Amino acid sequence: MKETTPAPLSGRRAQAARNDQRILDAARAVFVADPGAPIAAVAECAGVGIGALYRRYASKEELLRQINAEALQRYIAAAEAALADDGDPWSAFADFMRRIVDADTHSLTLRLAGTFTPTDELTREAAKAQELNVRLFERTRAAGAIRSDIEVGDITLLLEQLAAVRVAGEERTRQLRHRYLALLLDALHASSGTQLPGPPPGWEEISRRWET
C-alpha cells in the first residue's frame, strides 16, 4: 500500500503549532533554570501573550506535565531505536546513551522531580520507559558488554550526573557532557576488577522522587 503524506497544516494551524512549540521550549528553559519561576516568565521567554499561553495551558502544573511528557516520548523513541538495532549490542547501547545526553531529558528529573503531580498517563509512560531500559540493559549484559556489578538503576543516575554538568554556553555544555560520557562508557564497558561499594538503586527508589 502506498504511504500517504500528511496534508500540510493551514496557515493558522501551522502558526498555532509553532506558537505551542515555542511555549514548550520556553517552559523547559525557564523551569530548568528556575523551577519556581511563574508562568508569566514562560510567556515572556516564548514571546507570546499570557492570554495565548493560558488558552493552551490552564496552569503551570499542566505545562510542567506536558514538557515532561515530551521528554518521556523522546526517551522512549531513543530506547526503541536502540532495541531495533540488531548490530553490536554495545554500540547500540553506547549510541543510546549519546542520544539521551543530547536530548537532555534528565535535566528535567534533576530540577522538576517532586514539583508537580504526574498524571496516570505520565506514570504509565515512565513505566514503559523503564521496561525498555531493562530490556536494553539486559541485552547489553547478556552480550558480556557491560561490567557485571552494574544494574539498570545505576545507568539512570549516571545519566543524571551528566545532566548536572552545565557551564556557560549550550555547545560547551554539550562538549563537556560528551567528554564525561566517554569516560563513563569506558568504565562501564570493561571491569576494572574493583567491586563497586553499596547496592545499586532500585526503580522504586528512583521513581519515589516524583511524589509530591
N, C-alpha and C. Protein backbone atom coordinates (compact mmCIF):
# COMPACT_ATOMS: atom_id res chain seq x y z
N MET A 1 0.85 -1.19 0.00
CA MET A 1 0.00 0.00 0.00
C MET A 1 0.88 1.24 0.00
N LYS A 2 0.53 2.18 -0.85
CA LYS A 2 1.31 3.40 -0.96
C LYS A 2 1.09 4.29 0.26
N GLU A 3 2.19 4.75 0.84
CA GLU A 3 2.07 5.62 2.01
C GLU A 3 1.59 7.00 1.58
N THR A 4 0.76 7.59 2.40
CA THR A 4 0.26 8.93 2.11
C THR A 4 0.98 9.94 2.96
N THR A 5 1.26 11.09 2.39
CA THR A 5 1.92 12.16 3.12
C THR A 5 0.88 13.02 3.79
N PRO A 6 1.01 13.27 5.11
CA PRO A 6 0.02 14.10 5.79
C PRO A 6 -0.12 15.46 5.13
N ALA A 7 -1.35 15.93 5.04
CA ALA A 7 -1.59 17.24 4.44
C ALA A 7 -0.94 18.32 5.31
N PRO A 8 -0.34 19.32 4.67
CA PRO A 8 0.28 20.39 5.46
C PRO A 8 -0.77 21.16 6.24
N LEU A 9 -0.35 21.68 7.39
CA LEU A 9 -1.27 22.46 8.21
C LEU A 9 -1.61 23.77 7.51
N SER A 10 -2.82 24.23 7.75
CA SER A 10 -3.23 25.52 7.22
C SER A 10 -2.42 26.61 7.90
N GLY A 11 -2.51 27.83 7.35
CA GLY A 11 -1.71 28.92 7.89
C GLY A 11 -1.93 29.15 9.37
N ARG A 12 -3.19 29.21 9.80
CA ARG A 12 -3.46 29.46 11.22
C ARG A 12 -3.05 28.28 12.09
N ARG A 13 -3.30 27.07 11.61
CA ARG A 13 -2.94 25.89 12.39
C ARG A 13 -1.43 25.75 12.49
N ALA A 14 -0.74 26.06 11.40
CA ALA A 14 0.72 25.99 11.43
C ALA A 14 1.29 27.01 12.41
N GLN A 15 0.70 28.21 12.41
CA GLN A 15 1.16 29.24 13.34
C GLN A 15 0.89 28.83 14.79
N ALA A 16 -0.29 28.22 15.01
CA ALA A 16 -0.63 27.76 16.36
C ALA A 16 0.35 26.69 16.82
N ALA A 17 0.72 25.78 15.90
CA ALA A 17 1.67 24.72 16.24
C ALA A 17 3.03 25.31 16.57
N ARG A 18 3.44 26.31 15.81
CA ARG A 18 4.73 26.97 16.09
C ARG A 18 4.70 27.68 17.43
N ASN A 19 3.59 28.35 17.70
CA ASN A 19 3.46 29.03 19.00
C ASN A 19 3.51 28.04 20.15
N ASP A 20 2.84 26.90 19.97
CA ASP A 20 2.82 25.89 21.02
C ASP A 20 4.22 25.35 21.27
N GLN A 21 4.98 25.11 20.20
CA GLN A 21 6.33 24.60 20.38
C GLN A 21 7.22 25.64 21.04
N ARG A 22 7.03 26.92 20.69
CA ARG A 22 7.79 27.98 21.35
C ARG A 22 7.49 28.02 22.84
N ILE A 23 6.22 27.83 23.18
CA ILE A 23 5.83 27.83 24.59
C ILE A 23 6.51 26.68 25.32
N LEU A 24 6.48 25.48 24.72
CA LEU A 24 7.07 24.32 25.38
C LEU A 24 8.58 24.45 25.50
N ASP A 25 9.23 24.95 24.45
CA ASP A 25 10.68 25.14 24.51
C ASP A 25 11.03 26.18 25.58
N ALA A 26 10.23 27.24 25.64
CA ALA A 26 10.47 28.28 26.64
C ALA A 26 10.23 27.74 28.04
N ALA A 27 9.17 26.95 28.21
CA ALA A 27 8.86 26.40 29.53
C ALA A 27 9.99 25.51 30.02
N ARG A 28 10.51 24.71 29.13
CA ARG A 28 11.63 23.82 29.51
C ARG A 28 12.82 24.67 29.97
N ALA A 29 13.18 25.68 29.18
CA ALA A 29 14.34 26.52 29.53
C ALA A 29 14.11 27.26 30.84
N VAL A 30 12.93 27.83 31.01
CA VAL A 30 12.63 28.63 32.19
C VAL A 30 12.61 27.78 33.45
N PHE A 31 11.93 26.64 33.39
CA PHE A 31 11.75 25.84 34.60
C PHE A 31 12.99 25.01 34.95
N VAL A 32 13.81 24.66 33.96
CA VAL A 32 15.08 24.01 34.29
C VAL A 32 16.00 25.01 34.99
N ALA A 33 15.95 26.26 34.54
CA ALA A 33 16.77 27.29 35.19
C ALA A 33 16.24 27.64 36.57
N ASP A 34 14.90 27.67 36.71
CA ASP A 34 14.28 28.05 37.98
C ASP A 34 12.92 27.37 38.10
N PRO A 35 12.84 26.23 38.79
CA PRO A 35 11.57 25.52 38.92
C PRO A 35 10.47 26.36 39.56
N GLY A 36 10.83 27.38 40.33
CA GLY A 36 9.85 28.22 40.99
C GLY A 36 9.39 29.41 40.17
N ALA A 37 9.87 29.51 38.93
CA ALA A 37 9.52 30.66 38.10
C ALA A 37 8.01 30.69 37.82
N PRO A 38 7.42 31.88 37.70
CA PRO A 38 5.99 31.98 37.38
C PRO A 38 5.74 31.68 35.91
N ILE A 39 4.51 31.35 35.60
CA ILE A 39 4.17 31.03 34.22
C ILE A 39 4.31 32.25 33.31
N ALA A 40 4.21 33.45 33.88
CA ALA A 40 4.40 34.67 33.09
C ALA A 40 5.80 34.72 32.49
N ALA A 41 6.78 34.15 33.19
CA ALA A 41 8.15 34.13 32.67
C ALA A 41 8.24 33.28 31.41
N VAL A 42 7.42 32.25 31.32
CA VAL A 42 7.39 31.41 30.13
C VAL A 42 6.82 32.19 28.95
N ALA A 43 5.73 32.91 29.19
CA ALA A 43 5.12 33.72 28.12
C ALA A 43 6.12 34.75 27.60
N GLU A 44 6.84 35.39 28.51
CA GLU A 44 7.83 36.39 28.10
C GLU A 44 8.95 35.75 27.28
N CYS A 45 9.44 34.60 27.74
CA CYS A 45 10.52 33.91 27.04
C CYS A 45 10.06 33.43 25.65
N ALA A 46 8.81 32.99 25.57
CA ALA A 46 8.28 32.48 24.30
C ALA A 46 7.87 33.59 23.34
N GLY A 47 7.74 34.80 23.86
CA GLY A 47 7.31 35.92 23.03
C GLY A 47 5.84 35.85 22.67
N VAL A 48 5.01 35.31 23.58
CA VAL A 48 3.57 35.24 23.35
C VAL A 48 2.87 35.93 24.53
N GLY A 49 1.64 36.32 24.31
CA GLY A 49 0.87 36.94 25.38
C GLY A 49 0.47 35.92 26.42
N ILE A 50 0.29 36.38 27.64
CA ILE A 50 -0.09 35.47 28.72
C ILE A 50 -1.45 34.83 28.43
N GLY A 51 -2.34 35.58 27.75
CA GLY A 51 -3.64 35.02 27.41
C GLY A 51 -3.51 33.86 26.44
N ALA A 52 -2.62 34.00 25.45
CA ALA A 52 -2.40 32.92 24.48
C ALA A 52 -1.85 31.68 25.17
N LEU A 53 -0.98 31.90 26.15
CA LEU A 53 -0.42 30.75 26.87
C LEU A 53 -1.51 30.05 27.68
N TYR A 54 -2.34 30.84 28.38
CA TYR A 54 -3.38 30.22 29.22
C TYR A 54 -4.46 29.53 28.38
N ARG A 55 -4.65 29.98 27.14
CA ARG A 55 -5.61 29.29 26.29
C ARG A 55 -5.13 27.88 25.95
N ARG A 56 -3.84 27.72 25.94
CA ARG A 56 -3.27 26.40 25.63
C ARG A 56 -3.00 25.58 26.87
N TYR A 57 -2.52 26.22 27.93
CA TYR A 57 -2.19 25.52 29.17
C TYR A 57 -2.82 26.29 30.34
N ALA A 58 -3.75 25.64 31.01
CA ALA A 58 -4.55 26.32 32.03
C ALA A 58 -3.78 26.63 33.31
N SER A 59 -2.63 25.97 33.50
CA SER A 59 -1.89 26.17 34.74
C SER A 59 -0.43 25.80 34.53
N LYS A 60 0.37 26.23 35.47
CA LYS A 60 1.79 25.85 35.43
C LYS A 60 1.93 24.34 35.55
N GLU A 61 1.12 23.72 36.39
CA GLU A 61 1.18 22.27 36.57
C GLU A 61 0.95 21.55 35.25
N GLU A 62 -0.02 22.01 34.48
CA GLU A 62 -0.30 21.39 33.19
C GLU A 62 0.87 21.55 32.24
N LEU A 63 1.51 22.69 32.27
CA LEU A 63 2.67 22.95 31.43
C LEU A 63 3.84 22.05 31.83
N LEU A 64 4.05 21.89 33.13
CA LEU A 64 5.10 21.01 33.61
C LEU A 64 4.85 19.56 33.17
N ARG A 65 3.61 19.13 33.23
CA ARG A 65 3.28 17.78 32.78
C ARG A 65 3.60 17.60 31.29
N GLN A 66 3.26 18.62 30.50
CA GLN A 66 3.46 18.48 29.06
C GLN A 66 4.94 18.43 28.68
N ILE A 67 5.78 19.26 29.30
CA ILE A 67 7.20 19.22 28.92
C ILE A 67 7.83 17.91 29.38
N ASN A 68 7.35 17.35 30.48
CA ASN A 68 7.86 16.05 30.91
C ASN A 68 7.33 14.93 30.02
N ALA A 69 6.10 15.06 29.53
CA ALA A 69 5.55 14.07 28.60
C ALA A 69 6.38 14.05 27.32
N GLU A 70 6.74 15.22 26.82
CA GLU A 70 7.56 15.29 25.61
C GLU A 70 8.93 14.65 25.83
N ALA A 71 9.52 14.90 26.98
CA ALA A 71 10.82 14.31 27.29
C ALA A 71 10.73 12.78 27.36
N LEU A 72 9.66 12.27 27.95
CA LEU A 72 9.46 10.82 28.01
C LEU A 72 9.30 10.23 26.62
N GLN A 73 8.60 10.92 25.75
CA GLN A 73 8.42 10.44 24.38
C GLN A 73 9.75 10.37 23.65
N ARG A 74 10.59 11.37 23.85
CA ARG A 74 11.92 11.34 23.22
C ARG A 74 12.75 10.19 23.76
N TYR A 75 12.67 9.98 25.07
CA TYR A 75 13.43 8.91 25.70
C TYR A 75 12.97 7.55 25.17
N ILE A 76 11.67 7.34 25.12
CA ILE A 76 11.12 6.07 24.65
C ILE A 76 11.52 5.82 23.20
N ALA A 77 11.46 6.86 22.37
CA ALA A 77 11.84 6.71 20.97
C ALA A 77 13.31 6.29 20.84
N ALA A 78 14.18 6.88 21.66
CA ALA A 78 15.60 6.53 21.62
C ALA A 78 15.82 5.10 22.07
N ALA A 79 15.12 4.67 23.11
CA ALA A 79 15.27 3.30 23.60
C ALA A 79 14.75 2.29 22.59
N GLU A 80 13.63 2.61 21.96
CA GLU A 80 13.07 1.71 20.94
C GLU A 80 13.99 1.60 19.74
N ALA A 81 14.60 2.71 19.36
CA ALA A 81 15.55 2.68 18.24
C ALA A 81 16.76 1.82 18.59
N ALA A 82 17.24 1.91 19.82
CA ALA A 82 18.39 1.10 20.24
C ALA A 82 18.04 -0.39 20.22
N LEU A 83 16.85 -0.72 20.69
CA LEU A 83 16.44 -2.12 20.71
C LEU A 83 16.19 -2.65 19.31
N ALA A 84 15.82 -1.78 18.38
CA ALA A 84 15.60 -2.21 17.00
C ALA A 84 16.92 -2.41 16.25
N ASP A 85 18.01 -1.90 16.81
CA ASP A 85 19.34 -2.06 16.20
C ASP A 85 19.84 -3.47 16.48
N ASP A 86 19.92 -4.29 15.44
CA ASP A 86 20.34 -5.67 15.64
C ASP A 86 21.83 -5.87 15.38
N GLY A 87 22.59 -4.79 15.43
CA GLY A 87 24.03 -4.88 15.28
C GLY A 87 24.70 -5.20 16.60
N ASP A 88 25.89 -4.67 16.81
CA ASP A 88 26.64 -4.92 18.03
C ASP A 88 25.90 -4.34 19.23
N PRO A 89 25.60 -5.15 20.26
CA PRO A 89 24.82 -4.65 21.41
C PRO A 89 25.49 -3.49 22.13
N TRP A 90 26.81 -3.53 22.27
CA TRP A 90 27.47 -2.43 22.97
C TRP A 90 27.37 -1.13 22.18
N SER A 91 27.54 -1.20 20.87
CA SER A 91 27.43 0.01 20.05
C SER A 91 26.04 0.59 20.13
N ALA A 92 25.01 -0.27 20.13
CA ALA A 92 23.64 0.21 20.24
C ALA A 92 23.41 0.88 21.59
N PHE A 93 23.95 0.29 22.65
CA PHE A 93 23.80 0.86 23.99
C PHE A 93 24.53 2.20 24.08
N ALA A 94 25.76 2.26 23.58
CA ALA A 94 26.54 3.50 23.64
C ALA A 94 25.87 4.60 22.83
N ASP A 95 25.34 4.26 21.66
CA ASP A 95 24.64 5.26 20.84
C ASP A 95 23.40 5.77 21.56
N PHE A 96 22.71 4.87 22.25
CA PHE A 96 21.54 5.27 23.04
C PHE A 96 21.95 6.28 24.12
N MET A 97 23.01 6.00 24.82
CA MET A 97 23.48 6.92 25.86
C MET A 97 23.80 8.29 25.27
N ARG A 98 24.43 8.32 24.11
CA ARG A 98 24.77 9.60 23.47
C ARG A 98 23.51 10.36 23.08
N ARG A 99 22.51 9.66 22.55
CA ARG A 99 21.27 10.33 22.16
C ARG A 99 20.55 10.91 23.37
N ILE A 100 20.57 10.18 24.48
CA ILE A 100 19.89 10.67 25.68
C ILE A 100 20.61 11.88 26.25
N VAL A 101 21.92 11.87 26.21
CA VAL A 101 22.67 13.04 26.69
C VAL A 101 22.33 14.25 25.83
N ASP A 102 22.24 14.08 24.52
CA ASP A 102 21.89 15.20 23.64
C ASP A 102 20.44 15.65 23.86
N ALA A 103 19.54 14.72 24.13
CA ALA A 103 18.13 15.08 24.38
C ALA A 103 17.97 15.81 25.70
N ASP A 104 18.90 15.61 26.62
CA ASP A 104 18.92 16.30 27.93
C ASP A 104 17.64 16.05 28.72
N THR A 105 17.11 14.87 28.63
CA THR A 105 15.88 14.56 29.35
C THR A 105 16.08 14.56 30.87
N HIS A 106 17.28 14.24 31.32
CA HIS A 106 17.48 14.07 32.76
C HIS A 106 17.63 15.40 33.51
N SER A 107 17.80 16.50 32.78
CA SER A 107 17.76 17.80 33.45
C SER A 107 16.40 18.05 34.07
N LEU A 108 15.35 17.54 33.42
CA LEU A 108 14.00 17.71 33.96
C LEU A 108 13.85 16.95 35.26
N THR A 109 14.41 15.74 35.31
CA THR A 109 14.36 14.97 36.56
C THR A 109 15.08 15.71 37.68
N LEU A 110 16.26 16.20 37.37
CA LEU A 110 17.06 16.88 38.39
C LEU A 110 16.34 18.10 38.95
N ARG A 111 15.65 18.86 38.09
CA ARG A 111 15.09 20.13 38.51
C ARG A 111 13.62 20.07 38.89
N LEU A 112 12.88 19.10 38.31
CA LEU A 112 11.42 19.16 38.45
C LEU A 112 10.80 18.00 39.21
N ALA A 113 11.56 16.96 39.51
CA ALA A 113 11.00 15.83 40.24
C ALA A 113 10.44 16.31 41.58
N GLY A 114 9.18 15.96 41.84
CA GLY A 114 8.55 16.34 43.09
C GLY A 114 7.91 17.71 43.09
N THR A 115 7.97 18.44 41.97
CA THR A 115 7.40 19.79 41.93
C THR A 115 5.99 19.82 41.37
N PHE A 116 5.51 18.70 40.84
CA PHE A 116 4.14 18.63 40.33
C PHE A 116 3.65 17.19 40.46
N THR A 117 2.35 17.01 40.29
CA THR A 117 1.76 15.68 40.41
C THR A 117 1.63 15.04 39.03
N PRO A 118 2.34 13.95 38.77
CA PRO A 118 2.21 13.29 37.46
C PRO A 118 0.82 12.70 37.27
N THR A 119 0.33 12.74 36.03
CA THR A 119 -0.93 12.09 35.69
C THR A 119 -0.72 10.59 35.59
N ASP A 120 -1.82 9.85 35.54
CA ASP A 120 -1.72 8.40 35.34
C ASP A 120 -1.03 8.08 34.02
N GLU A 121 -1.31 8.89 33.00
CA GLU A 121 -0.68 8.66 31.70
C GLU A 121 0.83 8.83 31.79
N LEU A 122 1.29 9.87 32.48
CA LEU A 122 2.73 10.07 32.66
C LEU A 122 3.35 8.90 33.41
N THR A 123 2.66 8.41 34.41
CA THR A 123 3.16 7.27 35.18
C THR A 123 3.27 6.04 34.29
N ARG A 124 2.28 5.83 33.42
CA ARG A 124 2.34 4.69 32.50
C ARG A 124 3.50 4.85 31.52
N GLU A 125 3.70 6.06 31.01
CA GLU A 125 4.80 6.29 30.08
C GLU A 125 6.16 6.08 30.77
N ALA A 126 6.26 6.51 32.02
CA ALA A 126 7.50 6.29 32.77
C ALA A 126 7.76 4.80 32.96
N ALA A 127 6.70 4.04 33.23
CA ALA A 127 6.85 2.59 33.39
C ALA A 127 7.27 1.94 32.08
N LYS A 128 6.73 2.46 30.96
CA LYS A 128 7.13 1.93 29.65
C LYS A 128 8.61 2.23 29.39
N ALA A 129 9.03 3.43 29.72
CA ALA A 129 10.44 3.79 29.54
C ALA A 129 11.34 2.87 30.37
N GLN A 130 10.91 2.59 31.60
CA GLN A 130 11.70 1.72 32.46
C GLN A 130 11.75 0.29 31.91
N GLU A 131 10.64 -0.19 31.37
CA GLU A 131 10.63 -1.54 30.79
C GLU A 131 11.61 -1.62 29.61
N LEU A 132 11.66 -0.56 28.81
CA LEU A 132 12.61 -0.52 27.69
C LEU A 132 14.05 -0.43 28.22
N ASN A 133 14.24 0.35 29.29
CA ASN A 133 15.56 0.42 29.94
C ASN A 133 16.06 -0.98 30.31
N VAL A 134 15.19 -1.72 30.96
CA VAL A 134 15.57 -3.06 31.42
C VAL A 134 15.90 -3.95 30.24
N ARG A 135 15.08 -3.92 29.20
CA ARG A 135 15.32 -4.77 28.04
C ARG A 135 16.66 -4.43 27.38
N LEU A 136 16.92 -3.15 27.21
CA LEU A 136 18.18 -2.74 26.58
C LEU A 136 19.37 -3.10 27.45
N PHE A 137 19.25 -2.87 28.74
CA PHE A 137 20.35 -3.18 29.65
C PHE A 137 20.62 -4.68 29.69
N GLU A 138 19.57 -5.48 29.81
CA GLU A 138 19.75 -6.92 29.89
C GLU A 138 20.34 -7.48 28.60
N ARG A 139 19.96 -6.93 27.47
CA ARG A 139 20.55 -7.38 26.21
C ARG A 139 22.05 -7.07 26.18
N THR A 140 22.40 -5.88 26.65
CA THR A 140 23.82 -5.49 26.69
C THR A 140 24.60 -6.38 27.65
N ARG A 141 24.01 -6.68 28.79
CA ARG A 141 24.69 -7.53 29.77
C ARG A 141 24.79 -8.96 29.27
N ALA A 142 23.75 -9.44 28.61
CA ALA A 142 23.78 -10.82 28.09
C ALA A 142 24.89 -10.99 27.05
N ALA A 143 25.25 -9.90 26.38
CA ALA A 143 26.33 -9.95 25.39
C ALA A 143 27.70 -9.86 26.04
N GLY A 144 27.73 -9.73 27.38
CA GLY A 144 29.00 -9.61 28.09
C GLY A 144 29.70 -8.29 27.83
N ALA A 145 28.90 -7.25 27.48
CA ALA A 145 29.50 -5.98 27.06
C ALA A 145 29.54 -4.93 28.16
N ILE A 146 28.99 -5.25 29.34
CA ILE A 146 28.96 -4.27 30.42
C ILE A 146 29.39 -4.96 31.71
N ARG A 147 30.06 -4.26 32.57
CA ARG A 147 30.60 -4.88 33.77
C ARG A 147 29.48 -5.49 34.61
N SER A 148 29.78 -6.60 35.24
CA SER A 148 28.76 -7.45 35.86
C SER A 148 28.14 -6.86 37.12
N ASP A 149 28.79 -5.88 37.76
CA ASP A 149 28.25 -5.34 39.00
C ASP A 149 27.44 -4.07 38.80
N ILE A 150 27.10 -3.77 37.55
CA ILE A 150 26.26 -2.62 37.23
C ILE A 150 24.82 -3.09 37.05
N GLU A 151 23.86 -2.30 37.53
CA GLU A 151 22.44 -2.59 37.33
C GLU A 151 21.79 -1.42 36.58
N VAL A 152 20.59 -1.66 36.12
CA VAL A 152 19.92 -0.66 35.27
C VAL A 152 19.71 0.66 36.02
N GLY A 153 19.44 0.62 37.32
CA GLY A 153 19.27 1.85 38.08
C GLY A 153 20.52 2.70 38.12
N ASP A 154 21.68 2.07 38.05
CA ASP A 154 22.93 2.82 38.01
C ASP A 154 22.99 3.70 36.76
N ILE A 155 22.49 3.18 35.64
CA ILE A 155 22.53 3.93 34.38
C ILE A 155 21.70 5.20 34.50
N THR A 156 20.53 5.10 35.12
CA THR A 156 19.67 6.27 35.29
C THR A 156 20.39 7.37 36.07
N LEU A 157 21.02 7.01 37.18
CA LEU A 157 21.68 8.03 38.00
C LEU A 157 22.96 8.55 37.34
N LEU A 158 23.62 7.73 36.56
CA LEU A 158 24.78 8.22 35.82
C LEU A 158 24.36 9.25 34.77
N LEU A 159 23.23 9.02 34.11
CA LEU A 159 22.73 10.00 33.15
C LEU A 159 22.35 11.30 33.84
N GLU A 160 21.84 11.22 35.04
CA GLU A 160 21.52 12.43 35.80
C GLU A 160 22.79 13.19 36.15
N GLN A 161 23.85 12.47 36.48
CA GLN A 161 25.12 13.14 36.79
C GLN A 161 25.63 13.90 35.57
N LEU A 162 25.48 13.32 34.39
CA LEU A 162 25.90 14.01 33.17
C LEU A 162 25.04 15.25 32.92
N ALA A 163 23.73 15.14 33.21
CA ALA A 163 22.84 16.28 33.02
C ALA A 163 23.17 17.43 33.97
N ALA A 164 23.81 17.10 35.10
CA ALA A 164 24.18 18.13 36.07
C ALA A 164 25.36 18.97 35.59
N VAL A 165 26.07 18.49 34.58
CA VAL A 165 27.19 19.26 34.02
C VAL A 165 26.61 20.42 33.22
N ARG A 166 26.87 21.62 33.64
CA ARG A 166 26.31 22.80 32.96
C ARG A 166 27.25 23.98 33.15
N VAL A 167 27.70 24.54 32.03
CA VAL A 167 28.54 25.72 32.06
C VAL A 167 27.92 26.77 31.14
N ALA A 168 28.56 27.92 31.05
CA ALA A 168 28.05 28.97 30.16
C ALA A 168 28.16 28.51 28.72
N GLY A 169 27.05 28.55 28.01
CA GLY A 169 27.05 28.18 26.60
C GLY A 169 26.55 26.76 26.37
N GLU A 170 25.53 26.61 25.51
CA GLU A 170 24.95 25.30 25.26
C GLU A 170 25.95 24.35 24.60
N GLU A 171 26.71 24.84 23.62
CA GLU A 171 27.63 23.97 22.90
C GLU A 171 28.75 23.49 23.82
N ARG A 172 29.26 24.37 24.67
CA ARG A 172 30.32 23.96 25.60
C ARG A 172 29.79 22.96 26.61
N THR A 173 28.57 23.17 27.07
CA THR A 173 27.94 22.20 27.97
C THR A 173 27.84 20.85 27.29
N ARG A 174 27.40 20.83 26.04
CA ARG A 174 27.29 19.58 25.30
C ARG A 174 28.66 18.89 25.16
N GLN A 175 29.69 19.68 24.84
CA GLN A 175 31.03 19.11 24.70
C GLN A 175 31.49 18.42 25.98
N LEU A 176 31.28 19.09 27.10
CA LEU A 176 31.73 18.54 28.37
C LEU A 176 30.93 17.30 28.76
N ARG A 177 29.63 17.33 28.52
CA ARG A 177 28.82 16.15 28.82
C ARG A 177 29.29 14.95 28.03
N HIS A 178 29.60 15.14 26.75
CA HIS A 178 30.08 14.02 25.95
C HIS A 178 31.50 13.61 26.36
N ARG A 179 32.29 14.53 26.83
CA ARG A 179 33.62 14.19 27.34
C ARG A 179 33.50 13.22 28.51
N TYR A 180 32.62 13.55 29.46
CA TYR A 180 32.47 12.69 30.63
C TYR A 180 31.67 11.43 30.32
N LEU A 181 30.80 11.50 29.32
CA LEU A 181 30.12 10.28 28.89
C LEU A 181 31.13 9.28 28.33
N ALA A 182 32.11 9.77 27.57
CA ALA A 182 33.14 8.87 27.03
C ALA A 182 33.89 8.16 28.16
N LEU A 183 34.19 8.90 29.23
CA LEU A 183 34.84 8.28 30.39
C LEU A 183 33.94 7.23 31.03
N LEU A 184 32.65 7.56 31.18
CA LEU A 184 31.72 6.61 31.79
C LEU A 184 31.56 5.36 30.95
N LEU A 185 31.48 5.53 29.64
CA LEU A 185 31.33 4.36 28.78
C LEU A 185 32.54 3.44 28.87
N ASP A 186 33.73 4.03 28.94
CA ASP A 186 34.93 3.21 29.13
C ASP A 186 34.86 2.45 30.44
N ALA A 187 34.39 3.12 31.49
CA ALA A 187 34.31 2.47 32.81
C ALA A 187 33.24 1.38 32.83
N LEU A 188 32.16 1.57 32.10
CA LEU A 188 31.08 0.60 32.07
C LEU A 188 31.42 -0.61 31.21
N HIS A 189 32.22 -0.39 30.19
CA HIS A 189 32.45 -1.43 29.18
C HIS A 189 33.35 -2.54 29.68
N ALA A 190 34.31 -2.21 30.49
CA ALA A 190 35.27 -3.23 30.93
C ALA A 190 35.46 -3.13 32.44
N SER A 191 35.39 -4.26 33.10
CA SER A 191 35.56 -4.26 34.55
C SER A 191 37.00 -3.97 34.93
N SER A 192 37.14 -3.13 35.95
CA SER A 192 38.48 -2.80 36.43
C SER A 192 38.99 -3.83 37.43
N GLY A 193 38.11 -4.73 37.85
CA GLY A 193 38.47 -5.69 38.87
C GLY A 193 38.13 -5.22 40.27
N THR A 194 37.71 -3.94 40.39
CA THR A 194 37.32 -3.38 41.68
C THR A 194 35.81 -3.46 41.84
N GLN A 195 35.35 -4.09 42.91
CA GLN A 195 33.91 -4.23 43.14
C GLN A 195 33.33 -2.90 43.60
N LEU A 196 32.20 -2.52 43.05
CA LEU A 196 31.56 -1.27 43.44
C LEU A 196 30.98 -1.39 44.85
N PRO A 197 31.12 -0.36 45.67
CA PRO A 197 30.58 -0.42 47.03
C PRO A 197 29.07 -0.15 47.04
N GLY A 198 28.37 -0.75 47.97
CA GLY A 198 26.95 -0.47 48.16
C GLY A 198 26.07 -1.09 47.10
N PRO A 199 24.77 -1.27 47.41
CA PRO A 199 23.85 -1.84 46.44
C PRO A 199 23.43 -0.81 45.40
N PRO A 200 23.01 -1.25 44.21
CA PRO A 200 22.56 -0.31 43.18
C PRO A 200 21.18 0.24 43.53
N PRO A 201 20.80 1.37 42.94
CA PRO A 201 19.46 1.92 43.20
C PRO A 201 18.39 1.08 42.51
N GLY A 202 17.23 0.96 43.14
CA GLY A 202 16.11 0.24 42.55
C GLY A 202 15.12 1.20 41.91
N TRP A 203 14.22 0.68 41.09
CA TRP A 203 13.24 1.51 40.40
C TRP A 203 12.34 2.25 41.40
N GLU A 204 11.93 1.58 42.48
CA GLU A 204 11.07 2.23 43.47
C GLU A 204 11.79 3.41 44.10
N GLU A 205 13.06 3.23 44.38
CA GLU A 205 13.85 4.30 45.00
C GLU A 205 13.97 5.50 44.05
N ILE A 206 14.14 5.22 42.76
CA ILE A 206 14.28 6.28 41.77
C ILE A 206 12.95 6.99 41.52
N SER A 207 11.89 6.22 41.34
CA SER A 207 10.59 6.80 41.00
C SER A 207 9.95 7.55 42.15
N ARG A 208 10.31 7.22 43.38
CA ARG A 208 9.72 7.87 44.55
C ARG A 208 9.98 9.38 44.56
N ARG A 209 11.01 9.81 43.88
CA ARG A 209 11.34 11.24 43.88
C ARG A 209 10.28 12.09 43.20
N TRP A 210 9.44 11.48 42.38
CA TRP A 210 8.40 12.23 41.69
C TRP A 210 7.16 12.41 42.56
N GLU A 211 7.14 11.82 43.74
CA GLU A 211 5.99 12.00 44.63
C GLU A 211 6.03 13.39 45.24
N THR A 212 4.86 14.00 45.33
CA THR A 212 4.80 15.36 45.88
C THR A 212 4.32 15.32 47.33
